[in-house]
C-alpha atoms as a PDB file:
ATOM      1  CA  MET A   1     128.143  50.514  61.333  1.00  0.00           C
ATOM      2  CA  LEU A   2     126.606  47.524  63.040  1.00  0.00           C
ATOM      3  CA  ILE A   3     125.399  44.479  61.189  1.00  0.00           C
ATOM      4  CA  LYS A   4     123.760  41.889  63.367  1.00  0.00           C
ATOM      5  CA  GLY A   5     121.784  38.938  62.124  1.00  0.00           C
ATOM      6  CA  GLY A   6     121.952  40.260  58.563  1.00  0.00           C
ATOM      7  CA  VAL A   7     120.475  43.664  59.497  1.00  0.00           C
ATOM      8  CA  ILE A   8     122.242  46.981  58.932  1.00  0.00           C
ATOM      9  CA  TRP A   9     120.960  49.463  61.517  1.00  0.00           C
ATOM     10  CA  LEU A  10     120.555  52.940  60.056  1.00  0.00           C
ATOM     11  CA  LYS A  11     121.278  54.802  63.290  1.00  0.00           C
ATOM     12  CA  TYR A  12     124.959  54.086  62.656  1.00  0.00           C
ATOM     13  CA  PHE A  13     124.988  55.788  59.216  1.00  0.00           C
ATOM     14  CA  THR A  14     126.796  59.102  58.836  1.00  0.00           C
ATOM     15  CA  SER A  15     126.112  61.103  55.675  1.00  0.00           C
ATOM     16  CA  ILE A  16     129.102  62.574  53.889  1.00  0.00           C
ATOM     17  CA  ASN A  17     129.321  66.026  52.344  1.00  0.00           C
ATOM     18  CA  SER A  18     125.861  67.386  51.668  1.00  0.00           C
ATOM     19  CA  SER A  19     124.090  64.026  51.335  1.00  0.00           C
ATOM     20  CA  PRO A  20     120.651  63.910  52.940  1.00  0.00           C
ATOM     21  CA  PRO A  21     120.132  61.633  55.937  1.00  0.00           C
ATOM     22  CA  ILE A  22     119.657  57.968  55.026  1.00  0.00           C
ATOM     23  CA  TYR A  23     116.148  58.025  56.516  1.00  0.00           C
ATOM     24  CA  ASN A  24     115.089  60.517  53.822  1.00  0.00           C
ATOM     25  CA  PHE A  25     116.269  58.143  51.130  1.00  0.00           C
ATOM     26  CA  ILE A  26     114.601  55.124  52.689  1.00  0.00           C
ATOM     27  CA  ALA A  27     111.286  56.956  52.907  1.00  0.00           C
ATOM     28  CA  GLY A  28     111.404  57.524  49.129  1.00  0.00           C
ATOM     29  CA  ILE A  29     112.095  53.920  48.081  1.00  0.00           C
ATOM     30  CA  LEU A  30     109.365  52.439  45.937  1.00  0.00           C
ATOM     31  CA  ASN A  31     110.805  48.935  45.672  1.00  0.00           C
ATOM     32  CA  ASP A  32     111.540  46.733  48.643  1.00  0.00           C
ATOM     33  CA  ARG A  33     115.037  45.886  47.354  1.00  0.00           C
ATOM     34  CA  PHE A  34     117.917  47.967  46.050  1.00  0.00           C
ATOM     35  CA  LYS A  35     121.596  47.535  45.221  1.00  0.00           C
ATOM     36  CA  VAL A  36     124.442  49.120  47.118  1.00  0.00           C
ATOM     37  CA  THR A  37     128.199  49.128  46.663  1.00  0.00           C
ATOM     38  CA  ILE A  38     130.129  48.866  49.913  1.00  0.00           C
ATOM     39  CA  THR A  39     133.781  49.948  50.059  1.00  0.00           C
ATOM     40  CA  ASN A  40     136.002  49.383  53.065  1.00  0.00           C
ATOM     41  CA  ASP A  41     138.948  51.460  54.227  1.00  0.00           C
ATOM     42  CA  GLN A  42     141.339  49.299  52.151  1.00  0.00           C
ATOM     43  CA  ASN A  43     139.411  50.205  48.956  1.00  0.00           C
ATOM     44  CA  GLN A  44     137.981  46.725  48.573  1.00  0.00           C
ATOM     45  CA  GLU A  45     134.378  46.708  47.435  1.00  0.00           C
ATOM     46  CA  ILE A  46     131.389  44.445  47.126  1.00  0.00           C
ATOM     47  CA  GLU A  47     127.972  44.926  45.557  1.00  0.00           C
ATOM     48  CA  VAL A  48     124.991  43.502  47.415  1.00  0.00           C
ATOM     49  CA  GLU A  49     121.239  43.896  47.568  1.00  0.00           C
ATOM     50  CA  LEU A  50     119.468  45.137  50.654  1.00  0.00           C
ATOM     51  CA  GLU A  51     115.776  45.109  51.398  1.00  0.00           C
ATOM     52  CA  LEU A  52     113.601  47.111  53.721  1.00  0.00           C
ATOM     53  CA  LEU A  53     112.581  45.538  56.999  1.00  0.00           C
ATOM     54  CA  LYS A  54     108.878  44.912  57.194  1.00  0.00           C
ATOM     55  CA  ASN A  55     107.034  47.463  59.349  1.00  0.00           C
ATOM     56  CA  ARG A  56     110.285  49.235  60.364  1.00  0.00           C
ATOM     57  CA  LYS A  57     112.267  52.168  59.047  1.00  0.00           C
ATOM     58  CA  ASP A  58     115.425  51.853  61.120  1.00  0.00           C
ATOM     59  CA  GLY A  59     117.121  48.906  59.435  1.00  0.00           C
ATOM     60  CA  LEU A  60     117.895  47.194  56.174  1.00  0.00           C
ATOM     61  CA  LYS A  61     118.137  43.459  55.708  1.00  0.00           C
ATOM     62  CA  VAL A  62     120.818  41.829  53.583  1.00  0.00           C
ATOM     63  CA  CYS A  63     119.138  39.703  50.905  1.00  0.00           C
ATOM     64  CA  ILE A  64     119.652  36.012  51.565  1.00  0.00           C
ATOM     65  CA  GLU A  65     121.688  35.393  48.399  1.00  0.00           C
ATOM     66  CA  HIS A  66     124.269  38.004  49.490  1.00  0.00           C
ATOM     67  CA  LYS A  67     124.655  37.055  53.165  1.00  0.00           C
ATOM     68  CA  VAL A  68     127.634  34.706  52.774  1.00  0.00           C
ATOM     69  CA  ASN A  69     129.653  37.096  50.581  1.00  0.00           C
ATOM     70  CA  LEU A  70     128.922  40.062  52.822  1.00  0.00           C
ATOM     71  CA  ALA A  71     129.783  38.115  55.977  1.00  0.00           C
ATOM     72  CA  GLU A  72     133.225  37.393  54.478  1.00  0.00           C
ATOM     73  CA  PHE A  73     133.668  41.072  53.551  1.00  0.00           C
ATOM     74  CA  TRP A  74     132.723  42.643  56.912  1.00  0.00           C
ATOM     75  CA  GLY A  75     135.274  42.862  59.669  1.00  0.00           C
ATOM     76  CA  SER A  76     134.393  41.821  63.180  1.00  0.00           C
ATOM     77  CA  HIS A  77     132.299  44.156  65.319  1.00  0.00           C
ATOM     78  CA  GLY A  78     134.478  46.627  67.157  1.00  0.00           C
ATOM     79  CA  ASP A  79     137.446  46.507  64.780  1.00  0.00           C
ATOM     80  CA  LYS A  80     136.988  50.240  63.998  1.00  0.00           C
ATOM     81  CA  LYS A  81     136.934  49.712  60.226  1.00  0.00           C
ATOM     82  CA  LYS A  82     135.020  52.230  58.163  1.00  0.00           C
ATOM     83  CA  TYR A  83     132.694  51.310  55.334  1.00  0.00           C
ATOM     84  CA  PHE A  84     131.280  53.573  52.652  1.00  0.00           C
ATOM     85  CA  ILE A  85     127.951  52.624  51.112  1.00  0.00           C
ATOM     86  CA  LEU A  86     126.983  53.947  47.698  1.00  0.00           C
ATOM     87  CA  ILE A  87     123.340  53.454  46.907  1.00  0.00           C
ATOM     88  CA  VAL A  88     123.023  52.478  43.244  1.00  0.00           C
END
């Protein structure tokens, strides 16, 4: 998954099991913000809020109050770590 400038780009999401594609979920969101729990491949987790990008459906923005904590949680781009996102 790529996070750049506080944006999580949905084209990098892979659904697990029989979960519908993330785009289907995003299309059904009524609120602009929602909570997610992110777990890395060492079973560490963090809960943050994401919000929809204005006039776009291909990315989610990390809410400003969660940017610092999430930046410390993410590995560097290209480190091949896997993250699992549970939408609350």
